[in-house]
Protein backbone atom coordinates (compact mmCIF):
# COMPACT_ATOMS: atom_id res chain seq x y z
CA MET A 1 5.86 25.93 16.42
CA SER A 2 3.88 23.41 14.75
CA SER A 3 1.26 21.57 16.41
CA LEU A 4 1.17 18.21 15.07
CA ASN A 5 2.75 15.80 17.20
CA LEU A 6 2.90 12.15 15.49
CA ASP A 7 3.43 10.32 18.59
CA ASP A 8 -0.49 10.91 18.67
CA PHE A 9 -0.80 8.42 16.53
CA THR A 10 0.70 5.02 19.09
CA ASP A 11 -2.40 6.01 21.17
CA LEU A 12 -5.08 5.97 18.49
CA ILE A 13 -4.25 3.05 16.81
CA GLU A 14 -5.76 0.11 17.78
CA ARG A 15 -5.17 -4.06 16.75
CA PRO A 16 -8.03 -5.00 14.31
CA ASP A 17 -10.75 -6.64 17.23
CA GLY A 18 -8.66 -10.31 18.51
CA GLY A 19 -12.18 -11.27 19.90
CA VAL A 20 -13.78 -11.41 16.40
CA ARG A 21 -10.68 -12.62 14.97
CA ARG A 22 -11.06 -15.99 17.17
CA ASP A 23 -14.74 -16.05 16.77
CA ALA A 24 -13.79 -15.69 12.61
CA GLU A 25 -11.27 -18.46 13.48
CA ALA A 26 -13.95 -20.45 14.98
CA ARG A 27 -16.63 -20.19 12.12
CA ARG A 28 -14.21 -21.48 10.01
CA GLU A 29 -13.35 -24.29 11.61
CA LYS A 30 -17.40 -25.38 10.99
CA GLN A 31 -17.22 -24.86 7.52
CA ILE A 32 -17.54 -27.50 4.98
CA VAL A 33 -13.94 -27.25 3.90
CA PRO A 34 -11.43 -28.11 6.16
CA PRO A 35 -9.23 -24.80 7.59
CA GLY A 36 -6.44 -24.94 5.75
CA ALA A 37 -7.52 -26.30 2.36
CA LEU A 38 -8.08 -22.78 1.35
CA GLY A 39 -4.48 -21.74 2.30
CA ARG A 40 -3.86 -17.91 2.57
CA LEU A 41 -7.37 -17.16 1.46
CA ASP A 42 -8.69 -18.59 4.95
CA GLU A 43 -6.02 -16.02 6.78
CA LEU A 44 -6.86 -13.66 4.40
CA GLY A 45 -11.19 -13.83 5.01
CA GLU A 46 -10.27 -13.75 9.52
CA TRP A 47 -8.45 -11.09 9.48
CA LEU A 48 -10.83 -8.78 7.77
CA ALA A 49 -13.13 -10.52 9.62
CA ALA A 50 -11.19 -8.98 12.35
CA ALA A 51 -10.82 -5.47 10.60
CA GLN A 52 -14.78 -5.06 10.78
CA SER A 53 -15.34 -6.54 13.09
CA ALA A 54 -17.61 -8.40 11.86
CA VAL A 55 -18.35 -12.54 11.68
CA PRO A 56 -19.19 -13.23 9.12
CA VAL A 57 -17.44 -10.95 7.33
CA ARG A 58 -18.86 -8.45 4.98
CA PRO A 59 -18.48 -8.16 1.26
CA ILE A 60 -15.32 -5.43 -0.36
CA GLU A 61 -18.61 -3.35 -1.61
CA ARG A 62 -16.78 0.40 -2.36
CA PRO A 63 -12.91 -0.03 -2.70
CA ARG A 64 -11.29 3.09 -4.79
CA VAL A 65 -7.39 3.59 -5.61
CA LEU A 66 -5.66 6.39 -4.58
CA LEU A 67 -2.27 7.21 -5.79
CA PHE A 68 0.09 10.25 -5.07
CA ALA A 69 1.54 11.85 -7.61
CA GLY A 70 4.75 13.89 -7.29
CA ASP A 71 8.77 15.06 -8.99
CA HIS A 72 11.67 14.37 -7.30
CA GLY A 73 14.93 17.10 -8.07
CA ILE A 74 16.56 12.94 -7.56
CA ALA A 75 15.22 12.33 -11.30
CA GLU A 76 18.39 14.91 -12.79
CA LEU A 77 20.83 12.94 -11.96
CA GLY A 78 19.21 9.81 -14.18
CA VAL A 79 18.63 7.95 -11.65
CA SER A 80 15.79 6.88 -14.04
CA ALA A 81 14.51 5.83 -17.40
CA ARG A 82 11.87 8.52 -17.28
CA ALA A 83 13.15 11.98 -17.63
CA ALA A 84 13.35 14.27 -14.65
CA GLY A 85 9.67 16.31 -14.15
CA THR A 86 7.69 14.15 -16.56
CA ALA A 87 5.41 12.28 -13.99
CA ASP A 88 2.43 14.23 -15.47
CA GLN A 89 2.67 12.18 -18.42
CA LEU A 90 1.74 9.14 -16.51
CA VAL A 91 -0.95 11.21 -14.84
CA ARG A 92 -2.62 11.56 -17.49
CA GLY A 93 -2.52 8.23 -18.93
CA VAL A 94 -4.41 7.57 -15.80
CA LEU A 95 -6.58 10.23 -16.57
CA ASP A 96 -7.50 9.47 -19.60
CA GLY A 97 -7.46 5.23 -18.65
CA SER A 98 -5.11 4.45 -20.98
CA SER A 99 -2.40 2.93 -18.43
CA PRO A 100 -2.45 -0.54 -16.63
CA VAL A 101 -3.72 0.61 -14.06
CA ALA A 102 -6.71 2.75 -15.38
CA VAL A 103 -7.21 -0.46 -17.77
CA LEU A 104 -7.24 -2.86 -14.78
CA ALA A 105 -9.80 -0.61 -12.84
CA ARG A 106 -11.76 -0.90 -14.93
CA GLN A 107 -12.14 -4.51 -15.60
CA LEU A 108 -13.38 -4.84 -11.36
CA GLY A 109 -15.22 -1.83 -11.43
CA VAL A 110 -13.14 0.02 -8.81
CA PRO A 111 -12.93 3.90 -9.02
CA VAL A 112 -9.53 5.76 -9.03
CA ARG A 113 -8.58 8.99 -7.86
CA VAL A 114 -5.24 10.70 -8.24
CA VAL A 115 -3.69 13.18 -5.68
CA ASP A 116 -0.61 16.07 -7.37
CA LEU A 117 1.41 16.68 -4.31
CA ALA A 118 4.76 17.81 -6.21
CA LEU A 119 4.52 17.50 -9.76
CA ASP A 120 6.54 20.17 -11.74
CA CYS A 121 3.99 21.39 -14.30
CA ASP A 122 1.68 23.94 -14.70
CA PRO A 123 -1.64 23.83 -12.51
CA GLU A 124 -3.16 24.67 -15.33
CA ALA A 125 -2.26 21.23 -17.59
CA LEU A 126 -4.62 19.17 -14.54
CA PRO A 127 -8.05 18.83 -13.24
CA ALA A 128 -8.71 20.49 -10.49
CA GLU A 129 -9.90 17.80 -8.69
CA VAL A 130 -6.04 16.66 -9.57
CA VAL A 131 -4.39 19.57 -7.97
CA GLY A 132 -5.62 20.92 -5.86
CA HIS A 133 -3.71 19.26 -2.54
CA ARG A 134 -0.53 20.23 -4.18
CA VAL A 135 2.26 21.47 -1.97
CA ARG A 136 4.87 22.91 -4.25
CA ARG A 137 6.36 21.74 -7.95
CA GLY A 138 8.55 19.68 -7.74
CA SER A 139 10.67 18.15 -4.26
CA GLY A 140 13.78 18.92 -3.70
CA ARG A 141 17.69 17.09 -4.89
CA ILE A 142 17.65 14.83 -1.73
CA ASP A 143 21.82 14.09 -2.25
CA VAL A 144 22.30 17.79 -2.31
CA GLU A 145 19.21 19.33 -0.61
CA ASP A 146 16.40 18.79 1.89
CA ALA A 147 12.91 17.00 -0.43
CA LEU A 148 10.90 19.81 1.73
CA THR A 149 11.02 22.16 4.60
CA ALA A 150 9.70 21.60 7.49
CA GLU A 151 6.47 23.64 6.69
CA GLU A 152 6.14 21.41 3.65
CA ALA A 153 6.11 18.31 5.29
CA GLU A 154 3.97 18.92 7.51
CA ALA A 155 1.34 20.39 4.90
CA ALA A 156 1.65 17.53 2.71
CA PHE A 157 1.42 14.99 6.07
CA ARG A 158 -2.22 16.80 6.94
CA VAL A 159 -3.15 16.59 2.98
CA GLY A 160 -2.82 12.74 4.31
CA VAL A 161 -4.48 12.82 7.26
CA ALA A 162 -7.74 14.44 5.35
CA LEU A 163 -7.92 12.02 2.02
CA ALA A 164 -7.91 9.03 4.80
CA ASP A 165 -11.08 10.83 6.50
CA GLU A 166 -12.17 11.82 2.98
CA GLU A 167 -12.28 8.31 1.98
CA ALA A 168 -13.18 6.82 5.73
CA ASP A 169 -16.43 9.32 6.11
CA SER A 170 -16.95 8.24 2.50
CA GLY A 171 -17.90 4.50 2.83
CA THR A 172 -14.72 3.10 0.93
CA ASP A 173 -14.33 -0.33 2.18
CA LEU A 174 -10.33 -0.82 1.30
CA VAL A 175 -7.78 1.51 -0.40
CA VAL A 176 -5.66 -0.06 -3.12
CA LEU A 177 -2.85 3.01 -2.06
CA GLY A 178 -0.09 3.39 -5.48
CA ASP A 179 2.29 5.57 -5.96
CA VAL A 180 2.84 7.90 -9.83
CA SER A 181 6.50 9.50 -8.99
CA VAL A 182 9.84 9.71 -11.32
CA GLY A 183 12.02 9.26 -8.99
CA GLY A 184 9.82 8.01 -6.40
CA THR A 185 12.06 4.33 -5.61
CA THR A 186 15.16 6.44 -5.20
CA ALA A 187 13.54 8.47 -1.84
CA ALA A 188 12.01 5.42 -0.86
CA ALA A 189 15.11 3.37 -1.12
CA VAL A 190 17.43 5.71 0.45
CA LEU A 191 14.13 5.69 3.96
CA VAL A 192 14.09 1.74 3.52
CA ALA A 193 17.72 1.41 4.07
CA GLY A 194 18.16 4.39 6.31
CA LEU A 195 15.68 2.53 8.47
CA CYS A 196 16.68 -0.84 8.17
CA GLY A 197 20.56 -0.04 8.70
CA THR A 198 21.71 -1.79 5.31
CA ASP A 199 23.85 -0.08 2.73
CA ALA A 200 22.93 1.41 -0.43
CA SER A 201 23.34 -1.04 -3.23
CA VAL A 202 21.45 -3.88 -0.48
CA VAL A 203 18.69 -1.65 -1.14
CA THR A 204 18.57 0.15 -5.15
CA GLY A 205 16.59 -1.44 -7.63
CA ARG A 206 15.73 -0.94 -11.38
CA GLY A 207 12.96 0.89 -11.04
CA GLY A 208 9.79 -0.45 -12.61
CA ARG A 209 10.77 1.05 -16.85
CA ALA A 210 14.41 -1.15 -15.75
CA ILE A 211 17.34 0.60 -16.00
CA ASP A 212 20.79 -0.12 -17.37
CA ASP A 213 23.58 -1.03 -15.26
CA LEU A 214 25.67 2.59 -15.65
CA ALA A 215 21.97 4.24 -14.80
CA TRP A 216 21.84 1.24 -11.97
CA MET A 217 25.20 2.97 -10.46
CA ARG A 218 24.40 6.43 -10.39
CA LYS A 219 21.17 5.17 -8.16
CA CYS A 220 23.21 3.93 -6.15
CA ALA A 221 25.22 6.52 -5.90
CA ALA A 222 22.58 8.48 -5.03
CA VAL A 223 20.76 6.61 -2.62
CA ARG A 224 24.70 6.45 -1.35
CA ASP A 225 24.54 10.36 -0.49
CA SER A 226 21.21 11.07 0.81
CA LEU A 227 21.56 8.32 2.75
CA ARG A 228 24.88 10.26 4.43
CA ARG A 229 21.65 13.05 5.05
CA ALA A 230 18.96 10.92 6.31
CA ARG A 231 20.90 8.95 8.92
CA PRO A 232 21.35 12.03 11.47
CA VAL A 233 17.49 12.89 11.22
CA LEU A 234 16.21 8.73 11.00
CA GLY A 235 14.48 9.53 15.12
CA ASP A 236 12.49 12.19 13.67
CA GLN A 237 9.89 10.43 10.79
CA LEU A 238 8.94 13.71 9.77
CA GLN A 239 12.08 15.39 9.79
CA LEU A 240 13.21 12.24 7.46
CA LEU A 241 10.75 12.59 4.63
CA ALA A 242 10.56 16.70 4.81
CA THR A 243 15.15 15.55 4.60
CA VAL A 244 14.91 12.68 1.87
CA GLY A 245 11.59 11.95 1.12
CA GLY A 246 9.44 13.78 -0.80
CA ALA A 247 5.36 15.62 -0.92
CA ASP A 248 4.27 12.72 -2.55
CA LEU A 249 6.10 10.38 0.44
CA ALA A 250 4.92 12.36 3.43
CA ALA A 251 1.06 12.37 2.21
CA MET A 252 1.34 8.75 1.92
CA THR A 253 2.47 8.26 5.38
CA GLY A 254 -0.58 9.98 6.64
CA PHE A 255 -2.80 8.44 5.13
CA LEU A 256 -1.57 5.27 6.10
CA LEU A 257 -1.44 6.06 9.60
CA GLN A 258 -5.04 7.78 9.47
CA SER A 259 -6.52 5.20 7.84
CA ALA A 260 -5.31 3.45 10.57
CA VAL A 261 -6.76 5.26 12.97
CA ARG A 262 -10.02 5.37 11.16
CA LYS A 263 -9.31 1.08 10.57
CA THR A 264 -9.39 1.22 6.90
CA PRO A 265 -8.02 -1.67 5.33
CA VAL A 266 -4.88 -0.60 3.07
CA ILE A 267 -3.58 -2.93 0.60
CA LEU A 268 0.38 -1.24 -0.43
CA ASP A 269 0.96 -1.93 -3.67
CA GLY A 270 5.58 -1.37 -4.69
CA VAL A 271 8.57 -0.08 -2.94
CA VAL A 272 7.09 3.38 -3.00
CA SER A 273 4.39 2.61 -0.14
CA ALA A 274 6.38 0.15 0.82
CA ALA A 275 8.74 2.39 2.25
CA CYS A 276 5.96 4.53 3.13
CA ALA A 277 4.51 2.17 6.07
CA LEU A 278 7.53 1.21 6.75
CA VAL A 279 7.60 5.08 8.44
CA ALA A 280 4.54 5.09 9.41
CA GLN A 281 5.41 1.47 11.57
CA ARG A 282 8.29 3.66 13.41
CA VAL A 283 5.09 6.06 14.21
CA ALA A 284 2.91 3.36 15.29
CA PHE A 285 4.08 -0.15 15.92
CA ARG A 286 0.39 -1.65 15.55
CA ALA A 287 -0.27 0.74 12.35
CA PRO A 288 1.34 -1.92 9.15
CA ASP A 289 -1.58 -4.45 11.03
CA TRP A 290 -4.10 -2.70 8.40
CA TRP A 291 -1.89 -3.32 5.49
CA LEU A 292 -2.06 -5.81 3.51
CA ALA A 293 0.87 -6.02 0.66
CA GLY A 294 -0.69 -6.70 -2.43
CA GLN A 295 2.43 -8.21 -4.29
CA SER A 296 6.63 -8.46 -4.21
CA SER A 297 7.47 -6.24 -7.42
CA GLY A 298 11.16 -7.22 -7.72
CA GLU A 299 12.16 -3.73 -6.12
CA PRO A 300 15.07 -5.10 -3.02
CA ALA A 301 14.31 -1.87 -0.80
CA GLN A 302 10.33 -3.81 -1.08
CA ALA A 303 11.33 -6.69 0.42
CA LYS A 304 13.90 -5.62 2.64
CA ALA A 305 10.76 -3.10 3.92
CA LEU A 306 7.67 -5.57 4.15
CA ASP A 307 10.33 -8.42 5.70
CA ARG A 308 11.29 -5.81 8.37
CA MET A 309 7.24 -5.13 9.28
CA ALA A 310 6.60 -9.00 8.72
CA ILE A 311 4.51 -8.32 5.74
CA GLU A 312 4.58 -11.48 3.41
CA PRO A 313 3.30 -10.16 -0.79
CA LEU A 314 0.16 -11.58 -1.36
CA LEU A 315 1.02 -12.52 -4.73
CA ASP A 316 4.55 -12.42 -7.35
CA HIS A 317 3.28 -12.51 -10.30
CA GLY A 318 6.81 -10.31 -11.68
CA VAL A 319 3.95 -6.88 -12.33
CA LYS A 320 6.82 -3.87 -12.23
CA VAL A 321 4.77 -0.97 -13.50
CA GLY A 322 3.60 0.65 -10.47
CA GLU A 323 0.82 2.99 -10.49
CA GLY A 324 -1.12 0.79 -8.16
CA ALA A 325 -1.68 -2.10 -10.55
CA GLY A 326 -0.28 -4.94 -8.87
CA ALA A 327 -1.93 -4.17 -6.00
CA LEU A 328 -5.44 -3.97 -7.95
CA LEU A 329 -5.18 -7.20 -9.15
CA ALA A 330 -4.68 -8.72 -5.33
CA LEU A 331 -8.07 -7.21 -4.92
CA PRO A 332 -9.83 -10.30 -6.50
CA LEU A 333 -8.03 -12.52 -4.45
CA VAL A 334 -9.41 -10.42 -0.51
CA ARG A 335 -12.97 -10.61 -2.43
CA ALA A 336 -12.35 -13.79 -2.81
CA ALA A 337 -11.64 -14.61 1.00
CA ALA A 338 -14.82 -12.46 1.53
CA ALA A 339 -16.68 -14.06 0.12
CA LEU A 340 -15.54 -17.56 0.98
CA ALA A 341 -15.73 -17.02 5.19
CA ALA A 342 -19.20 -15.66 4.26
CA GLU A 343 -21.04 -18.20 1.95
CA LEU A 344 -19.06 -21.47 2.76
CA PRO A 345 -21.79 -23.50 4.58
CA GLU A 346 -21.16 -24.80 8.50
CA ARG A 347 -21.36 -28.49 8.76
CA GLU A 348 -23.81 -28.59 10.77
CA ALA A 349 -26.27 -26.19 8.49
CA VAL A 350 -25.81 -28.90 5.92
CA ALA A 351 -28.62 -31.50 5.16
CA ALA A 352 -27.33 -34.94 4.26
CA GLU A 353 -28.16 -35.98 1.29
CA PRO A 354 -31.10 -38.17 1.27
CA ALA A 355 -29.95 -42.12 0.32
CA LYS A 356 -30.11 -43.89 -2.70
CA PRO A 357 -31.20 -47.42 -3.47
CA GLY A 358 -28.85 -49.53 -2.11
CA GLY A 359 -26.60 -46.92 -0.78
CA GLU A 360 -25.64 -44.69 2.66
CA GLU A 361 -26.64 -41.29 2.95
CA LYS A 362 -24.12 -39.04 2.44
CA ASN A 363 -22.95 -35.15 3.86
CA LEU A 364 -22.09 -33.52 1.73
CA GLY A 365 -18.98 -32.61 3.80
CA GLU A 366 -17.51 -36.06 3.78
CA GLU A 367 -16.22 -35.39 0.15
CA TYR A 368 -13.74 -32.18 1.78
CA ASP A 369 -12.78 -34.32 4.24
CA ALA A 370 -12.68 -38.10 2.65
CA THR A 371 -8.29 -37.53 2.52
């Protein structure tokens, strides 16, 4: 019998410090730029202060991109523009530095870590540090069979928990979370449809490499058939992940929950991370307070999940490539919010300018208040 009790996360996860957030808001009201003039940057700075329990907020100095990788058996039905079992090719693009997320991470100076949970390739084909946490080779075809056994689902979930602890213990102060998968958006759509009580057509998108109308209809049918298998287990989140999720999705869910326990902020990328976040919210209702949505990917299931969690994406730039690239583009915005919250001077701390001949003294903050 499993010793894993997901209900424990409800007790372990606390919200970001509300008292610190009020202190951050009070400090913001004293700064030379009026509150509200910086738009969402104000809100971001206050959120970071609460997450860090620090006023002024500390800069984001040790972020990391973490990508969970896996192949999904449902891709055999032609629901993806990529061939089933080829996610390892995407992983190689990340590792050799040629993928969009690798280029962006290099530009921003952020390390990238890829973790294989269920790639459908020989383990020897990839570095040991990538394949060391693999649970199985590929996940099951969820329209007709479970993605994982109960034991595999628990093992994957525990991998995610362990990785969250590793990142927190190593000093990572923010995680950009993404996936590298083929068929993962189909599994994510099933999770979102089940948890939101919607039909397949409402949540089925076209993926990062857009599929044509025939493939979209096949994907809708796959989501519909998988949804029938998901509905009886909606009350048991770990069983739900075993039935219609996958090893990478189970690990991501565990990672999100344990990151909230360890008070590590996370930027979600696309529909897969949003679906896992929605599952995690069902486990612990306070957990979403530790997450940001980096971008709107255009996937309807992502929009549905974020709306259900009341999380508004930071950016809407049309990036659909996945692999954490869209979320990583939000990192400079978060860093900018931290810098402005910490470094803008307060009004009373700004000395008046020396009076000019024939003029009056002018406080450096007046130009922001003139309107």
